[in-house]
Amino acid sequence: SAGCFSGSSGESLAMAAAQLQCDPVTQYEDRGRCCLKCEPGTSMKSGSSCEEPQCKECEDNEYQEKYTTATKCERQDYCDENRNFKWRTLQNKKKRIPCECKDGFHCSSELCLTCVPHRMCPPGLGARSIGNHTHDTVCEKCPEGQFSNDSSWRSVCQKWTVCGNNFHVSKEGTAESDVECGKLWVGRSVVKVFSLSPPASGAAGAEASCGS
């Protein structure tokens, strides 16, 4: 009967829909068909066909990370040099490129809306952990035998100089200054040579006359 035919037809459509398994990464379903998405780095033009979509490459400073049906690419973040960000020179249309802080600066927060200067380690302190794009510099006091004599966010404590041969410590080192070495001056030894031979006859006579 018509009712039975209608029922069997409905079941067939339901079975067909259940058997349709599109690749969730590269395909999308449209009216019972598996259609192709556009590749990363592109967007889909309006009116594209299911089997052969028309894809357009992302413009400069745009990106698309995934296979997509979107008609527009995503915009890369604007890296404002006035907020101490580096000017972006790399172009990647398949990946978002986050802004990075200039050397000597780090993100002010997890969102990194602006960059702030690294902490400066004063003389006597060195950088235990040198700051980078995301983290500030961590300073530490220079231990015994090491020093730091400048203010810097990246200088570490240096070992004192070891005075070598023929040098002595003329000034002790501190946490803020290095050891100073002076040259050892060795004086010449004056050696008297005594003669063990008897004196000359003339000398003996002169000595005798002096004694008389």
Protein backbone atom coordinates (compact mmCIF):
# COMPACT_ATOMS: atom_id res chain seq x y z
CA SER A 1 0.00 0.00 0.00
CA ALA A 2 0.96 3.65 -0.26
CA GLY A 3 1.43 3.82 3.49
CA CYS A 4 3.84 0.87 3.45
CA PHE A 5 5.86 2.37 0.56
CA SER A 6 6.08 5.67 2.35
CA GLY A 7 7.27 3.94 5.49
CA SER A 8 9.95 1.94 3.72
CA SER A 9 11.13 5.04 1.88
CA GLY A 10 11.45 6.96 5.15
CA GLU A 11 13.43 4.13 6.68
CA SER A 12 15.78 4.11 3.68
CA LEU A 13 16.46 7.82 4.03
CA ALA A 14 17.08 7.40 7.76
CA MET A 15 19.50 4.54 7.09
CA ALA A 16 21.28 6.55 4.40
CA ALA A 17 21.68 9.50 6.76
CA ALA A 18 23.00 7.19 9.47
CA GLN A 19 25.53 5.67 7.08
CA LEU A 20 26.76 9.08 5.90
CA GLN A 21 29.98 9.79 7.79
CA CYS A 22 31.79 12.94 6.70
CA ASP A 23 35.34 13.72 7.80
CA PRO A 24 34.76 16.33 10.53
CA VAL A 25 38.10 18.01 9.78
CA THR A 26 38.04 18.41 6.00
CA GLN A 27 34.33 18.00 5.15
CA TYR A 28 30.90 19.25 6.11
CA GLU A 29 27.43 17.77 5.50
CA ASP A 30 24.96 19.50 3.20
CA ARG A 31 21.64 17.90 2.24
CA GLY A 32 22.88 14.36 2.66
CA ARG A 33 26.23 14.97 0.96
CA CYS A 34 29.78 15.28 2.26
CA CYS A 35 31.21 18.55 0.91
CA LEU A 36 34.81 19.76 0.95
CA LYS A 37 36.01 22.59 3.17
CA CYS A 38 38.70 25.09 2.18
CA GLU A 39 42.23 24.43 3.43
CA PRO A 40 44.02 26.36 6.21
CA GLY A 41 45.29 29.73 5.01
CA THR A 42 42.24 30.30 2.83
CA SER A 43 38.56 31.29 3.01
CA MET A 44 35.60 30.04 0.96
CA LYS A 45 34.05 32.19 -1.73
CA SER A 46 30.28 32.59 -1.68
CA GLY A 47 28.39 30.27 -4.00
CA SER A 48 31.04 27.54 -3.96
CA SER A 49 30.03 24.05 -5.08
CA CYS A 50 30.01 21.07 -2.77
CA GLU A 51 32.60 18.96 -4.60
CA GLU A 52 34.88 21.77 -5.83
CA PRO A 53 34.77 24.75 -3.46
CA GLN A 54 36.30 28.04 -4.58
CA CYS A 55 38.89 29.04 -2.00
CA LYS A 56 40.69 32.37 -1.66
CA GLU A 57 44.07 32.86 0.01
CA CYS A 58 44.04 35.00 3.13
CA GLU A 59 45.26 38.58 2.76
CA ASP A 60 48.39 39.91 4.48
CA ASN A 61 47.96 40.11 8.27
CA GLU A 62 45.16 37.53 8.08
CA TYR A 63 45.13 33.82 8.93
CA GLN A 64 42.95 30.73 9.00
CA GLU A 65 44.21 27.85 11.14
CA LYS A 66 41.66 25.15 10.22
CA TYR A 67 39.79 23.69 7.27
CA THR A 68 36.84 26.03 6.95
CA THR A 69 33.63 27.11 5.27
CA ALA A 70 34.08 30.69 6.50
CA THR A 71 34.01 33.41 3.85
CA LYS A 72 36.51 35.60 5.74
CA CYS A 73 39.91 34.93 7.33
CA GLU A 74 40.77 36.01 10.86
CA ARG A 75 42.78 39.20 11.44
CA GLN A 76 46.22 38.96 13.03
CA ASP A 77 46.63 40.97 16.23
CA TYR A 78 47.90 44.52 15.77
CA CYS A 79 51.27 44.88 17.51
CA ASP A 80 51.44 48.51 18.63
CA GLU A 81 55.04 49.73 18.97
CA ASN A 82 53.78 52.53 21.23
CA ARG A 83 52.89 49.79 23.74
CA ASN A 84 56.43 48.38 23.50
CA PHE A 85 55.59 45.51 21.17
CA LYS A 86 57.94 44.36 18.43
CA TRP A 87 56.93 45.17 14.88
CA ARG A 88 55.80 41.91 13.30
CA THR A 89 57.95 40.94 10.32
CA LEU A 90 56.84 37.31 9.90
CA GLN A 91 53.80 36.41 7.84
CA ASN A 92 51.92 33.17 8.50
CA LYS A 93 48.51 32.79 6.90
CA LYS A 94 47.86 29.43 8.56
CA LYS A 95 48.56 30.40 12.16
CA ARG A 96 47.90 33.22 14.59
CA ILE A 97 51.14 35.03 15.45
CA PRO A 98 50.91 36.58 18.93
CA CYS A 99 52.57 39.94 19.54
CA GLU A 100 55.89 39.89 21.39
CA CYS A 101 57.39 42.51 23.67
CA LYS A 102 60.57 44.35 22.73
CA ASP A 103 63.83 43.34 24.39
CA GLY A 104 63.86 44.60 27.96
CA PHE A 105 60.06 44.39 28.32
CA HIS A 106 57.50 41.76 29.34
CA CYS A 107 53.70 41.40 29.26
CA SER A 108 51.90 43.42 31.90
CA SER A 109 49.27 40.68 32.33
CA GLU A 110 48.27 37.27 31.00
CA LEU A 111 46.28 38.95 28.22
CA CYS A 112 49.41 40.91 27.23
CA LEU A 113 47.64 44.10 26.24
CA THR A 114 50.81 46.12 26.77
CA CYS A 115 54.47 45.60 27.73
CA VAL A 116 56.30 47.00 30.77
CA PRO A 117 60.07 47.30 31.47
CA HIS A 118 61.96 44.51 33.20
CA ARG A 119 63.18 45.00 36.76
CA MET A 120 66.71 46.47 36.97
CA CYS A 121 69.16 44.69 39.27
CA PRO A 122 71.33 47.35 41.02
CA PRO A 123 75.05 46.90 41.85
CA GLY A 124 75.52 44.05 44.29
CA LEU A 125 72.63 42.11 42.76
CA GLY A 126 72.58 39.99 39.60
CA ALA A 127 69.88 38.41 37.48
CA ARG A 128 68.97 34.98 38.82
CA SER A 129 66.38 34.65 36.05
CA ILE A 130 66.71 36.93 33.01
CA GLY A 131 63.41 38.44 31.85
CA ASN A 132 61.77 37.46 28.56
CA HIS A 133 58.57 38.21 26.63
CA THR A 134 56.31 36.79 29.35
CA HIS A 135 58.30 37.02 32.59
CA ASP A 136 60.09 39.74 34.54
CA THR A 137 63.73 39.59 35.63
CA VAL A 138 64.33 38.10 39.10
CA CYS A 139 67.30 39.58 41.00
CA GLU A 140 69.44 37.95 43.68
CA LYS A 141 72.24 39.17 45.96
CA CYS A 142 75.67 38.20 44.69
CA PRO A 143 77.13 35.44 46.88
CA GLU A 144 80.57 35.59 48.49
CA GLY A 145 83.24 35.52 45.79
CA GLN A 146 81.07 37.19 43.13
CA PHE A 147 80.09 40.75 42.23
CA SER A 148 77.97 42.97 39.97
CA ASN A 149 78.93 46.61 39.44
CA ASP A 150 76.15 47.89 37.18
CA SER A 151 72.37 48.25 36.99
CA SER A 152 70.97 45.86 34.42
CA TRP A 153 68.03 43.53 33.77
CA ARG A 154 70.24 40.88 32.20
CA SER A 155 73.66 41.02 33.93
CA VAL A 156 74.51 38.10 36.21
CA CYS A 157 76.98 38.05 39.10
CA GLN A 158 80.61 37.54 37.99
CA LYS A 159 83.34 35.71 39.88
CA TRP A 160 86.08 37.74 41.51
CA THR A 161 89.39 37.88 39.67
CA VAL A 162 92.02 35.45 40.95
CA CYS A 163 95.40 37.18 41.22
CA GLY A 164 98.02 35.06 39.47
CA ASN A 165 101.74 34.56 40.03
CA ASN A 166 103.76 37.69 40.86
CA PHE A 167 100.54 39.49 41.84
CA HIS A 168 98.87 40.09 45.16
CA VAL A 169 95.42 41.32 46.24
CA SER A 170 95.73 45.09 46.54
CA LYS A 171 92.02 45.59 47.20
CA GLU A 172 89.52 43.02 48.44
CA GLY A 173 86.43 42.30 46.34
CA THR A 174 82.88 43.06 47.46
CA ALA A 175 79.40 42.26 46.14
CA GLU A 176 79.66 45.48 44.11
CA SER A 177 83.31 45.44 42.99
CA ASP A 178 85.95 43.04 41.74
CA VAL A 179 89.23 42.14 43.43
CA GLU A 180 92.11 44.43 42.43
CA CYS A 181 95.53 42.90 41.91
CA GLY A 182 98.92 44.56 42.36
CA LYS A 183 102.32 43.43 41.09
CA LEU A 184 104.78 42.02 43.58
CA TRP A 185 108.17 43.87 43.55
CA VAL A 186 111.04 41.64 44.56
CA GLY A 187 114.11 43.61 45.73
CA ARG A 188 117.65 42.60 44.61
CA SER A 189 119.72 40.78 47.24
CA VAL A 190 123.15 42.35 47.84
CA VAL A 191 125.69 39.62 48.48
CA LYS A 192 129.07 40.52 50.11
CA VAL A 193 131.96 38.37 49.03
CA PHE A 194 134.66 37.86 51.65
CA SER A 195 138.17 36.81 50.61
CA LEU A 196 139.82 34.00 52.55
CA SER A 197 143.35 34.64 51.11
CA PRO A 198 145.96 36.51 53.23
CA PRO A 199 146.24 40.28 52.65
CA ALA A 200 148.98 41.70 50.45
CA SER A 201 152.29 42.69 52.14
CA GLY A 202 151.78 46.35 51.41
CA ALA A 203 148.44 46.33 53.05
CA ALA A 204 149.82 44.60 56.10
CA GLY A 205 152.57 47.23 56.43
CA ALA A 206 150.08 50.01 56.14
CA GLU A 207 147.89 48.43 58.78
CA ALA A 208 150.95 48.05 61.07
CA SER A 209 151.96 51.66 60.60
CA CYS A 210 148.47 52.78 61.47
CA GLY A 211 148.56 50.76 64.61
CA SER A 212 151.94 52.17 65.78
